Structures are given as C-alpha cells and as structure tokens.
Amino acid sequence: MKFERKPDWLKIKLTTGENFTEIKNMMRGKTLHTVCEEAKCPNIFECWSHGTATFMINGKICTRACRFCAVNTGLPTELDLAEPENVAEAAEKMGLQHAVVTAVARDDLQDGGASLFAATIHAIRKRLPLCSVEVLIPDFQGNWDALRTVLDANPQILNHNIETVERLSDRVRSKATYRRSLELLETSKQINPTIPTKSSIMIGVGETAEEIRQTMRDLRAVGVNIVTIGQYLQPTRRHLSVEKYWHPDEFARFKEEGMEMGFDHVESGPLVRSSYRAHEQGQLAGHV
C-alpha cells in the first residue's frame, strides 16, 4: 500500500538560527560537504542549530547510484588532499566533542578512499585531542586492507550501514550486498575487537517486521554494538517510493527487541538517521 501524505509524526519544525547560518557559511567557505545537505537529511535544521554536522569527504560525487540516496552520482573528480585539514579546522571552530565523518563511495580508487578517512581522523585528533571520531564507511568493495587502513587510525566508532533487509538489498542498494556488509562488520571486529561497530536499517521500502528483526539478529551475530532504525523518506520522484510509514509505537517495539538481543544501544524512531545525535548514541552505549 502506498501513502501519499506523510503522517503527523513526520512533520519537522524548521529552525534556522545563528549556528545554522554559521555552519552553512563555514562549509561553503572551506568547500566542505556534509551528508546532511547532500542526502537531504530531515534533521539538518535541528542538528546544525545545535552546532553539529556530519562531514562528507572524498568529494561529493558518488560512484554508485543507490535507489534510496539523494547524493549525486557520476564520475568523481580528483581528491582534495586539503580536505582532512579543512574538516579538522571546521570541527575545531565548531567546538565538537564528537565528530562524524562519512564519504561517498569511491570505487574508482584502489583503496576506496580509505587513506583520506585515516588522514581526517588524524587531523581531527591533532587539533582536538579530546574529540571522539566516528566514521561511517562504504564497503570498499570487500577490500579489507582498506578497512584496516581506517581501523589503524583508531576511530572511536566504526559505522557501516546495512541499509535494508536481505530480500530487498539488491533492489535498494547499488553494488553493495547484504552479506558483504555483514562480512565487513565481522572483519572489523576481527582486526580490532576494541573498536565498537554500528549499523543502520532504513525501513519503509517493503520489508516485514520479521525481516527487520532478522536483520537485527544478523547484525548482532557479527558483534555490532549499536544499531539505528529510521523511516525511509523519498528524496525525489526518481527514487524508491515509500511503501509504508511505520508508526512510532512500532519503532519503540524494535528498540525494545533490539536491546533484548544484546545491543549496547538501539536508536529507533521515524526521523532517526545513522548520524542523528551520534554523540548521545555513543554515550548511551558506553563507547565515547
């Protein structure tokens, strides 16, 4: 069944205060990108008004074309080697206690952009020694040497999103596979078991409640510590349609069931996104 109108619980209060404008101007001045803008995140007004943002490195053009994602796809330009230092400088100006760094998929690069992840972690730590760093990485096409490059930089949290249930993965994602994502999260634990792992499930694209539970069980089986569950919202008419708007009570049940499975923390709600209140997620899980 398709729903034409968003339910009341998805209505967003738009607030653009001084912090919002300051962050926007800083990002433009340093030619920095955020997943908040590129992915049309519904929480951008809240997060930016509170002085937090999720940096997106390795440029703004993704080599993949996932059917749920609003980030531009195509042939990327060369890497901006000043990006790590610019991100660190912006994090310092924002006074961040917890920095979240993600990236477009760069399948055109031998290491998938892993070296720039590591450089960004080091640059932030140099300017902000007490700032925890969470990275949200692509699957690097199964290149575990690239994964090791990121882990050797010792992020506080290693995040990789499984995005959807196994049955729908091929339809929703581009090139990434459900089993490879599980393998990445498992391999991360094998390389460095002290670094907590995190993943996210986007619901509303045709999955069943039991499939969501099975995805949570699969993530827990490979040692994932934190899981986030949020409602899919169609960014443009070209993207996947919303098949169902899950009710807040259903999200609450998924959170309860996830905690019973043994996750350190489950963030579950209609407007929850992988990086939404990431610092609080890490604190509640006991990892930052």
C-alpha atoms as a PDB file:
ATOM      1  CA  MET A   1       0.000   0.000   0.000  1.00  0.00           C
ATOM      2  CA  LYS A   2       1.319   3.460  -0.911  1.00  0.00           C
ATOM      3  CA  PHE A   3       0.798   6.545   1.232  1.00  0.00           C
ATOM      4  CA  GLU A   4       0.628   9.917  -0.487  1.00  0.00           C
ATOM      5  CA  ARG A   5       0.793  12.057   2.629  1.00  0.00           C
ATOM      6  CA  LYS A   6       3.303  11.932   5.424  1.00  0.00           C
ATOM      7  CA  PRO A   7       1.748  11.250   8.830  1.00  0.00           C
ATOM      8  CA  ASP A   8       1.788  13.892  11.549  1.00  0.00           C
ATOM      9  CA  TRP A   9       4.733  12.337  13.376  1.00  0.00           C
ATOM     10  CA  LEU A  10       6.989  13.110  10.397  1.00  0.00           C
ATOM     11  CA  LYS A  11       6.315  16.832  10.432  1.00  0.00           C
ATOM     12  CA  ILE A  12       9.546  18.766  11.035  1.00  0.00           C
ATOM     13  CA  LYS A  13       9.944  22.119  12.735  1.00  0.00           C
ATOM     14  CA  LEU A  14      12.252  24.277  10.619  1.00  0.00           C
ATOM     15  CA  THR A  15      14.540  26.424  12.754  1.00  0.00           C
ATOM     16  CA  THR A  16      17.485  28.287  11.277  1.00  0.00           C
ATOM     17  CA  GLY A  17      19.303  30.235  13.953  1.00  0.00           C
ATOM     18  CA  GLU A  18      22.773  31.732  14.228  1.00  0.00           C
ATOM     19  CA  ASN A  19      24.510  28.355  14.461  1.00  0.00           C
ATOM     20  CA  PHE A  20      22.776  27.090  11.314  1.00  0.00           C
ATOM     21  CA  THR A  21      23.876  30.078   9.263  1.00  0.00           C
ATOM     22  CA  GLU A  22      27.413  29.998  10.673  1.00  0.00           C
ATOM     23  CA  ILE A  23      27.875  26.314   9.835  1.00  0.00           C
ATOM     24  CA  LYS A  24      26.486  26.774   6.331  1.00  0.00           C
ATOM     25  CA  ASN A  25      28.817  29.687   5.633  1.00  0.00           C
ATOM     26  CA  MET A  26      31.828  27.812   7.026  1.00  0.00           C
ATOM     27  CA  MET A  27      31.134  24.749   4.885  1.00  0.00           C
ATOM     28  CA  ARG A  28      30.873  26.882   1.747  1.00  0.00           C
ATOM     29  CA  GLY A  29      33.975  28.892   2.623  1.00  0.00           C
ATOM     30  CA  LYS A  30      36.115  25.777   3.001  1.00  0.00           C
ATOM     31  CA  THR A  31      34.496  23.891   0.118  1.00  0.00           C
ATOM     32  CA  LEU A  32      33.402  21.202   2.551  1.00  0.00           C
ATOM     33  CA  HIS A  33      30.498  18.841   2.029  1.00  0.00           C
ATOM     34  CA  THR A  34      28.062  17.372   4.530  1.00  0.00           C
ATOM     35  CA  VAL A  35      25.849  14.352   4.191  1.00  0.00           C
ATOM     36  CA  CYS A  36      23.243  16.490   5.960  1.00  0.00           C
ATOM     37  CA  GLU A  37      22.847  18.563   2.793  1.00  0.00           C
ATOM     38  CA  GLU A  38      23.753  16.068   0.087  1.00  0.00           C
ATOM     39  CA  ALA A  39      21.432  13.327   1.373  1.00  0.00           C
ATOM     40  CA  LYS A  40      18.642  15.818   2.196  1.00  0.00           C
ATOM     41  CA  CYS A  41      18.543  14.735   5.838  1.00  0.00           C
ATOM     42  CA  PRO A  42      15.327  15.801   7.617  1.00  0.00           C
ATOM     43  CA  ASN A  43      17.267  16.588  10.797  1.00  0.00           C
ATOM     44  CA  ILE A  44      19.604  19.187   9.290  1.00  0.00           C
ATOM     45  CA  PHE A  45      17.826  22.132  10.880  1.00  0.00           C
ATOM     46  CA  GLU A  46      17.910  20.609  14.349  1.00  0.00           C
ATOM     47  CA  CYS A  47      21.493  19.364  14.167  1.00  0.00           C
ATOM     48  CA  TRP A  48      23.006  22.473  12.589  1.00  0.00           C
ATOM     49  CA  SER A  49      21.125  24.727  15.000  1.00  0.00           C
ATOM     50  CA  HIS A  50      22.768  22.738  17.809  1.00  0.00           C
ATOM     51  CA  GLY A  51      26.215  23.107  16.221  1.00  0.00           C
ATOM     52  CA  THR A  52      26.697  19.574  14.889  1.00  0.00           C
ATOM     53  CA  ALA A  53      27.116  18.254  11.350  1.00  0.00           C
ATOM     54  CA  THR A  54      28.296  15.103   9.596  1.00  0.00           C
ATOM     55  CA  PHE A  55      31.246  15.781   7.293  1.00  0.00           C
ATOM     56  CA  MET A  56      31.353  14.037   3.924  1.00  0.00           C
ATOM     57  CA  ILE A  57      34.821  13.509   2.455  1.00  0.00           C
ATOM     58  CA  ASN A  58      36.269  12.147  -0.804  1.00  0.00           C
ATOM     59  CA  GLY A  59      34.325  14.747  -2.778  1.00  0.00           C
ATOM     60  CA  LYS A  60      30.581  14.964  -3.407  1.00  0.00           C
ATOM     61  CA  ILE A  61      30.167  12.658  -6.427  1.00  0.00           C
ATOM     62  CA  CYS A  62      29.433   9.000  -5.622  1.00  0.00           C
ATOM     63  CA  THR A  63      30.369   6.190  -7.994  1.00  0.00           C
ATOM     64  CA  ARG A  64      27.225   4.293  -7.020  1.00  0.00           C
ATOM     65  CA  ALA A  65      23.545   5.034  -7.648  1.00  0.00           C
ATOM     66  CA  CYS A  66      21.577   3.548  -4.753  1.00  0.00           C
ATOM     67  CA  ARG A  67      17.848   3.949  -5.317  1.00  0.00           C
ATOM     68  CA  PHE A  68      17.200   5.491  -1.901  1.00  0.00           C
ATOM     69  CA  CYS A  69      20.031   8.037  -1.791  1.00  0.00           C
ATOM     70  CA  ALA A  70      19.970  11.683  -2.920  1.00  0.00           C
ATOM     71  CA  VAL A  71      23.766  12.097  -3.141  1.00  0.00           C
ATOM     72  CA  ASN A  72      24.938  12.953  -6.683  1.00  0.00           C
ATOM     73  CA  THR A  73      26.307  10.077  -8.731  1.00  0.00           C
ATOM     74  CA  GLY A  74      28.699  10.084 -11.658  1.00  0.00           C
ATOM     75  CA  LEU A  75      32.406  10.254 -12.412  1.00  0.00           C
ATOM     76  CA  PRO A  76      34.234  11.824  -9.444  1.00  0.00           C
ATOM     77  CA  THR A  77      36.934  14.444  -9.769  1.00  0.00           C
ATOM     78  CA  GLU A  78      40.373  14.133  -8.221  1.00  0.00           C
ATOM     79  CA  LEU A  79      40.711  14.010  -4.436  1.00  0.00           C
ATOM     80  CA  ASP A  80      41.102  17.202  -2.466  1.00  0.00           C
ATOM     81  CA  LEU A  81      44.108  16.417  -0.268  1.00  0.00           C
ATOM     82  CA  ALA A  82      43.373  19.506   1.837  1.00  0.00           C
ATOM     83  CA  GLU A  83      40.031  18.015   2.872  1.00  0.00           C
ATOM     84  CA  PRO A  84      41.240  16.330   6.110  1.00  0.00           C
ATOM     85  CA  GLU A  85      42.796  19.527   7.439  1.00  0.00           C
ATOM     86  CA  ASN A  86      39.786  21.598   6.402  1.00  0.00           C
ATOM     87  CA  VAL A  87      37.436  19.179   8.157  1.00  0.00           C
ATOM     88  CA  ALA A  88      39.599  19.287  11.287  1.00  0.00           C
ATOM     89  CA  GLU A  89      39.666  23.086  11.251  1.00  0.00           C
ATOM     90  CA  ALA A  90      35.879  23.209  10.896  1.00  0.00           C
ATOM     91  CA  ALA A  91      35.458  20.701  13.743  1.00  0.00           C
ATOM     92  CA  GLU A  92      37.706  22.861  15.916  1.00  0.00           C
ATOM     93  CA  LYS A  93      35.735  26.027  15.135  1.00  0.00           C
ATOM     94  CA  MET A  94      32.507  24.205  15.956  1.00  0.00           C
ATOM     95  CA  GLY A  95      33.992  23.007  19.244  1.00  0.00           C
ATOM     96  CA  LEU A  96      32.933  19.426  18.596  1.00  0.00           C
ATOM     97  CA  GLN A  97      33.193  16.762  21.261  1.00  0.00           C
ATOM     98  CA  HIS A  98      32.212  14.072  18.769  1.00  0.00           C
ATOM     99  CA  ALA A  99      32.908  14.318  15.036  1.00  0.00           C
ATOM    100  CA  VAL A 100      31.180  12.110  12.473  1.00  0.00           C
ATOM    101  CA  VAL A 101      32.904  11.602   9.122  1.00  0.00           C
ATOM    102  CA  THR A 102      31.363   9.794   6.184  1.00  0.00           C
ATOM    103  CA  ALA A 103      32.118   9.707   2.456  1.00  0.00           C
ATOM    104  CA  VAL A 104      30.778   8.980  -0.969  1.00  0.00           C
ATOM    105  CA  ALA A 105      31.674   5.577  -2.390  1.00  0.00           C
ATOM    106  CA  ARG A 106      34.845   5.884  -4.473  1.00  0.00           C
ATOM    107  CA  ASP A 107      35.043   2.637  -6.406  1.00  0.00           C
ATOM    108  CA  ASP A 108      37.410   4.395  -8.812  1.00  0.00           C
ATOM    109  CA  LEU A 109      40.150   4.476  -6.169  1.00  0.00           C
ATOM    110  CA  GLN A 110      42.318   1.491  -5.307  1.00  0.00           C
ATOM    111  CA  ASP A 111      41.685   1.897  -1.575  1.00  0.00           C
ATOM    112  CA  GLY A 112      38.152   3.248  -1.943  1.00  0.00           C
ATOM    113  CA  GLY A 113      39.164   6.469  -0.229  1.00  0.00           C
ATOM    114  CA  ALA A 114      40.303   4.765   2.994  1.00  0.00           C
ATOM    115  CA  SER A 115      43.528   6.781   3.200  1.00  0.00           C
ATOM    116  CA  LEU A 116      41.581  10.048   3.366  1.00  0.00           C
ATOM    117  CA  PHE A 117      39.435   8.641   6.167  1.00  0.00           C
ATOM    118  CA  ALA A 118      42.610   7.872   8.129  1.00  0.00           C
ATOM    119  CA  ALA A 119      44.111  11.282   7.372  1.00  0.00           C
ATOM    120  CA  THR A 120      40.917  13.007   8.529  1.00  0.00           C
ATOM    121  CA  ILE A 121      40.865  11.078  11.814  1.00  0.00           C
ATOM    122  CA  HIS A 122      44.486  12.051  12.490  1.00  0.00           C
ATOM    123  CA  ALA A 123      43.872  15.700  11.545  1.00  0.00           C
ATOM    124  CA  ILE A 124      40.899  15.996  13.906  1.00  0.00           C
ATOM    125  CA  ARG A 125      42.822  14.362  16.739  1.00  0.00           C
ATOM    126  CA  LYS A 126      45.743  16.748  16.247  1.00  0.00           C
ATOM    127  CA  ARG A 127      43.509  19.803  16.632  1.00  0.00           C
ATOM    128  CA  LEU A 128      41.022  18.295  19.094  1.00  0.00           C
ATOM    129  CA  PRO A 129      42.722  15.581  21.174  1.00  0.00           C
ATOM    130  CA  LEU A 130      39.621  15.032  23.321  1.00  0.00           C
ATOM    131  CA  CYS A 131      37.180  14.854  20.414  1.00  0.00           C
ATOM    132  CA  SER A 132      35.895  11.357  19.661  1.00  0.00           C
ATOM    133  CA  VAL A 133      35.672  10.429  15.974  1.00  0.00           C
ATOM    134  CA  GLU A 134      33.046   8.201  14.398  1.00  0.00           C
ATOM    135  CA  VAL A 135      33.436   7.099  10.785  1.00  0.00           C
ATOM    136  CA  LEU A 136      30.660   5.906   8.507  1.00  0.00           C
ATOM    137  CA  ILE A 137      32.385   3.973   5.747  1.00  0.00           C
ATOM    138  CA  PRO A 138      31.397   2.315   2.450  1.00  0.00           C
ATOM    139  CA  ASP A 139      32.113  -1.377   1.904  1.00  0.00           C
ATOM    140  CA  PHE A 140      35.370  -0.736  -0.029  1.00  0.00           C
ATOM    141  CA  GLN A 141      34.207  -3.490  -2.421  1.00  0.00           C
ATOM    142  CA  GLY A 142      35.427  -6.048   0.090  1.00  0.00           C
ATOM    143  CA  ASN A 143      38.977  -4.674   0.244  1.00  0.00           C
ATOM    144  CA  TRP A 144      39.842  -5.471   3.855  1.00  0.00           C
ATOM    145  CA  ASP A 145      43.275  -3.854   3.553  1.00  0.00           C
ATOM    146  CA  ALA A 146      41.382  -0.581   3.036  1.00  0.00           C
ATOM    147  CA  LEU A 147      39.269  -1.364   6.089  1.00  0.00           C
ATOM    148  CA  ARG A 148      42.445  -1.977   8.086  1.00  0.00           C
ATOM    149  CA  THR A 149      43.780   1.432   6.991  1.00  0.00           C
ATOM    150  CA  VAL A 150      40.752   3.080   8.616  1.00  0.00           C
ATOM    151  CA  LEU A 151      40.886   0.930  11.736  1.00  0.00           C
ATOM    152  CA  ASP A 152      44.615   1.581  12.207  1.00  0.00           C
ATOM    153  CA  ALA A 153      43.714   5.271  12.638  1.00  0.00           C
ATOM    154  CA  ASN A 154      41.698   4.115  15.667  1.00  0.00           C
ATOM    155  CA  PRO A 155      38.279   5.765  15.331  1.00  0.00           C
ATOM    156  CA  GLN A 156      36.082   5.583  18.431  1.00  0.00           C
ATOM    157  CA  ILE A 157      33.235   4.016  16.421  1.00  0.00           C
ATOM    158  CA  LEU A 158      33.296   2.196  13.064  1.00  0.00           C
ATOM    159  CA  ASN A 159      29.951   2.552  11.310  1.00  0.00           C
ATOM    160  CA  HIS A 160      28.817   0.799   8.147  1.00  0.00           C
ATOM    161  CA  ASN A 161      25.155   0.772   7.160  1.00  0.00           C
ATOM    162  CA  ILE A 162      23.469  -2.413   6.032  1.00  0.00           C
ATOM    163  CA  GLU A 163      20.562  -0.148   4.964  1.00  0.00           C
ATOM    164  CA  THR A 164      17.817  -2.717   4.367  1.00  0.00           C
ATOM    165  CA  VAL A 165      16.742  -6.321   4.794  1.00  0.00           C
ATOM    166  CA  GLU A 166      18.399  -9.073   2.775  1.00  0.00           C
ATOM    167  CA  ARG A 167      15.476  -9.702   0.410  1.00  0.00           C
ATOM    168  CA  LEU A 168      15.411  -6.070  -0.724  1.00  0.00           C
ATOM    169  CA  SER A 169      19.128  -5.327  -0.735  1.00  0.00           C
ATOM    170  CA  ASP A 170      19.700  -5.795  -4.459  1.00  0.00           C
ATOM    171  CA  ARG A 171      16.763  -3.546  -5.317  1.00  0.00           C
ATOM    172  CA  VAL A 172      17.628  -0.781  -2.838  1.00  0.00           C
ATOM    173  CA  ARG A 173      21.430  -0.638  -2.990  1.00  0.00           C
ATOM    174  CA  SER A 174      23.913  -0.340  -5.848  1.00  0.00           C
ATOM    175  CA  LYS A 175      26.860  -2.784  -5.948  1.00  0.00           C
ATOM    176  CA  ALA A 176      26.805  -3.242  -2.169  1.00  0.00           C
ATOM    177  CA  THR A 177      25.483  -6.574  -0.913  1.00  0.00           C
ATOM    178  CA  TYR A 178      23.876  -7.622   2.347  1.00  0.00           C
ATOM    179  CA  ARG A 179      26.386 -10.394   3.048  1.00  0.00           C
ATOM    180  CA  ARG A 180      29.400  -8.221   2.213  1.00  0.00           C
ATOM    181  CA  SER A 181      28.182  -5.619   4.697  1.00  0.00           C
ATOM    182  CA  LEU A 182      27.906  -8.281   7.388  1.00  0.00           C
ATOM    183  CA  GLU A 183      31.360  -9.546   6.464  1.00  0.00           C
ATOM    184  CA  LEU A 184      32.824  -6.039   6.745  1.00  0.00           C
ATOM    185  CA  LEU A 185      31.352  -5.557  10.223  1.00  0.00           C
ATOM    186  CA  GLU A 186      32.579  -9.002  11.298  1.00  0.00           C
ATOM    187  CA  THR A 187      36.044  -8.420   9.821  1.00  0.00           C
ATOM    188  CA  SER A 188      36.286  -5.091  11.641  1.00  0.00           C
ATOM    189  CA  LYS A 189      35.863  -6.947  14.930  1.00  0.00           C
ATOM    190  CA  GLN A 190      38.488  -9.481  13.905  1.00  0.00           C
ATOM    191  CA  ILE A 191      41.016  -6.773  13.025  1.00  0.00           C
ATOM    192  CA  ASN A 192      40.381  -4.661  16.127  1.00  0.00           C
ATOM    193  CA  PRO A 193      37.800  -6.020  18.581  1.00  0.00           C
ATOM    194  CA  THR A 194      38.189  -2.964  20.831  1.00  0.00           C
ATOM    195  CA  ILE A 195      36.554  -0.610  18.307  1.00  0.00           C
ATOM    196  CA  PRO A 196      32.737  -0.648  18.625  1.00  0.00           C
ATOM    197  CA  THR A 197      30.749  -1.177  15.433  1.00  0.00           C
ATOM    198  CA  LYS A 198      27.480   0.378  14.387  1.00  0.00           C
ATOM    199  CA  SER A 199      24.982  -0.080  11.565  1.00  0.00           C
ATOM    200  CA  SER A 200      21.689   1.347  10.370  1.00  0.00           C
ATOM    201  CA  ILE A 201      18.459  -0.055   8.959  1.00  0.00           C
ATOM    202  CA  MET A 202      16.168   2.095   6.816  1.00  0.00           C
ATOM    203  CA  ILE A 203      12.578   0.846   6.830  1.00  0.00           C
ATOM    204  CA  GLY A 204       9.524   1.612   4.737  1.00  0.00           C
ATOM    205  CA  VAL A 205      10.613   0.138   1.396  1.00  0.00           C
ATOM    206  CA  GLY A 206       8.581  -3.074   1.554  1.00  0.00           C
ATOM    207  CA  GLU A 207      10.126  -5.106   4.357  1.00  0.00           C
ATOM    208  CA  THR A 208       8.197  -7.037   7.018  1.00  0.00           C
ATOM    209  CA  ALA A 209       8.568  -6.718  10.777  1.00  0.00           C
ATOM    210  CA  GLU A 210      10.113 -10.171  10.964  1.00  0.00           C
ATOM    211  CA  GLU A 211      12.663  -9.263   8.284  1.00  0.00           C
ATOM    212  CA  ILE A 212      13.659  -6.232  10.349  1.00  0.00           C
ATOM    213  CA  ARG A 213      14.092  -8.461  13.398  1.00  0.00           C
ATOM    214  CA  GLN A 214      16.167 -10.924  11.358  1.00  0.00           C
ATOM    215  CA  THR A 215      18.401  -8.095  10.156  1.00  0.00           C
ATOM    216  CA  MET A 216      18.946  -7.038  13.766  1.00  0.00           C
ATOM    217  CA  ARG A 217      19.777 -10.634  14.691  1.00  0.00           C
ATOM    218  CA  ASP A 218      22.237 -10.844  11.778  1.00  0.00           C
ATOM    219  CA  LEU A 219      23.938  -7.620  12.888  1.00  0.00           C
ATOM    220  CA  ARG A 220      24.146  -8.788  16.467  1.00  0.00           C
ATOM    221  CA  ALA A 221      25.596 -12.141  15.334  1.00  0.00           C
ATOM    222  CA  VAL A 222      28.641 -10.325  13.878  1.00  0.00           C
ATOM    223  CA  GLY A 223      29.147  -8.310  17.053  1.00  0.00           C
ATOM    224  CA  VAL A 224      27.566  -4.972  16.120  1.00  0.00           C
ATOM    225  CA  ASN A 225      27.229  -2.799  19.229  1.00  0.00           C
ATOM    226  CA  ILE A 226      24.898   0.000  18.112  1.00  0.00           C
ATOM    227  CA  VAL A 227      22.023  -0.129  15.634  1.00  0.00           C
ATOM    228  CA  THR A 228      19.824   2.696  14.380  1.00  0.00           C
ATOM    229  CA  ILE A 229      16.437   2.242  12.710  1.00  0.00           C
ATOM    230  CA  GLY A 230      14.697   5.040  10.830  1.00  0.00           C
ATOM    231  CA  GLN A 231      11.903   5.694   8.359  1.00  0.00           C
ATOM    232  CA  TYR A 232      12.806   5.934   4.676  1.00  0.00           C
ATOM    233  CA  LEU A 233      11.644   9.189   3.077  1.00  0.00           C
ATOM    234  CA  GLN A 234      11.636   9.506  -0.702  1.00  0.00           C
ATOM    235  CA  PRO A 235      14.064  12.342  -1.563  1.00  0.00           C
ATOM    236  CA  THR A 236      12.825  12.851  -5.146  1.00  0.00           C
ATOM    237  CA  ARG A 237      10.337  11.282  -7.554  1.00  0.00           C
ATOM    238  CA  ARG A 238      13.221   9.425  -9.199  1.00  0.00           C
ATOM    239  CA  HIS A 239      13.909   7.445  -6.038  1.00  0.00           C
ATOM    240  CA  LEU A 240      12.162   4.485  -4.463  1.00  0.00           C
ATOM    241  CA  SER A 241       8.611   5.116  -3.309  1.00  0.00           C
ATOM    242  CA  VAL A 242       7.688   4.758   0.338  1.00  0.00           C
ATOM    243  CA  GLU A 243       5.778   1.507   0.796  1.00  0.00           C
ATOM    244  CA  LYS A 244       4.859   2.078   4.441  1.00  0.00           C
ATOM    245  CA  TYR A 245       5.151   4.713   7.139  1.00  0.00           C
ATOM    246  CA  TRP A 246       5.924   2.724  10.268  1.00  0.00           C
ATOM    247  CA  HIS A 247       4.213   4.023  13.434  1.00  0.00           C
ATOM    248  CA  PRO A 248       6.310   5.379  16.353  1.00  0.00           C
ATOM    249  CA  ASP A 249       4.943   2.584  18.545  1.00  0.00           C
ATOM    250  CA  GLU A 250       6.410   0.037  16.118  1.00  0.00           C
ATOM    251  CA  PHE A 251       9.776   1.789  16.260  1.00  0.00           C
ATOM    252  CA  ALA A 252       9.594   1.629  20.053  1.00  0.00           C
ATOM    253  CA  ARG A 253       9.000  -2.130  19.887  1.00  0.00           C
ATOM    254  CA  PHE A 254      12.013  -2.601  17.596  1.00  0.00           C
ATOM    255  CA  LYS A 255      14.132  -0.685  20.103  1.00  0.00           C
ATOM    256  CA  GLU A 256      12.923  -2.882  22.961  1.00  0.00           C
ATOM    257  CA  GLU A 257      13.503  -6.076  20.995  1.00  0.00           C
ATOM    258  CA  GLY A 258      16.945  -4.908  19.885  1.00  0.00           C
ATOM    259  CA  MET A 259      18.030  -4.230  23.444  1.00  0.00           C
ATOM    260  CA  GLU A 260      16.821  -7.708  24.388  1.00  0.00           C
ATOM    261  CA  MET A 261      19.055  -9.112  21.624  1.00  0.00           C
ATOM    262  CA  GLY A 262      22.077  -7.625  23.379  1.00  0.00           C
ATOM    263  CA  PHE A 263      22.917  -4.408  21.519  1.00  0.00           C
ATOM    264  CA  ASP A 264      24.618  -1.794  23.676  1.00  0.00           C
ATOM    265  CA  HIS A 265      22.230   0.794  22.272  1.00  0.00           C
ATOM    266  CA  VAL A 266      19.352   0.932  19.804  1.00  0.00           C
ATOM    267  CA  GLU A 267      18.165   4.266  18.406  1.00  0.00           C
ATOM    268  CA  SER A 268      14.815   3.696  16.726  1.00  0.00           C
ATOM    269  CA  GLY A 269      12.309   6.283  15.513  1.00  0.00           C
ATOM    270  CA  PRO A 270      10.754   7.760  12.370  1.00  0.00           C
ATOM    271  CA  LEU A 271      13.325  10.560  11.991  1.00  0.00           C
ATOM    272  CA  VAL A 272      16.330   8.615  13.253  1.00  0.00           C
ATOM    273  CA  ARG A 273      19.311   8.565  10.930  1.00  0.00           C
ATOM    274  CA  SER A 274      22.674   6.880  11.324  1.00  0.00           C
ATOM    275  CA  SER A 275      24.428  10.054  12.488  1.00  0.00           C
ATOM    276  CA  TYR A 276      21.488  11.629  14.315  1.00  0.00           C
ATOM    277  CA  ARG A 277      22.577  12.526  17.860  1.00  0.00           C
ATOM    278  CA  ALA A 278      25.568  10.279  17.284  1.00  0.00           C
ATOM    279  CA  HIS A 279      27.384  11.564  20.364  1.00  0.00           C
ATOM    280  CA  GLU A 280      24.426  10.696  22.576  1.00  0.00           C
ATOM    281  CA  GLN A 281      24.176   7.249  20.949  1.00  0.00           C
ATOM    282  CA  GLY A 282      27.844   6.604  21.720  1.00  0.00           C
ATOM    283  CA  GLN A 283      27.471   7.830  25.292  1.00  0.00           C
ATOM    284  CA  LEU A 284      24.378   5.714  25.948  1.00  0.00           C
ATOM    285  CA  ALA A 285      26.209   2.696  24.564  1.00  0.00           C
ATOM    286  CA  GLY A 286      29.196   3.487  26.804  1.00  0.00           C
ATOM    287  CA  HIS A 287      31.678   3.912  23.943  1.00  0.00           C
ATOM    288  CA  VAL A 288      32.541   7.653  23.973  1.00  0.00           C
END
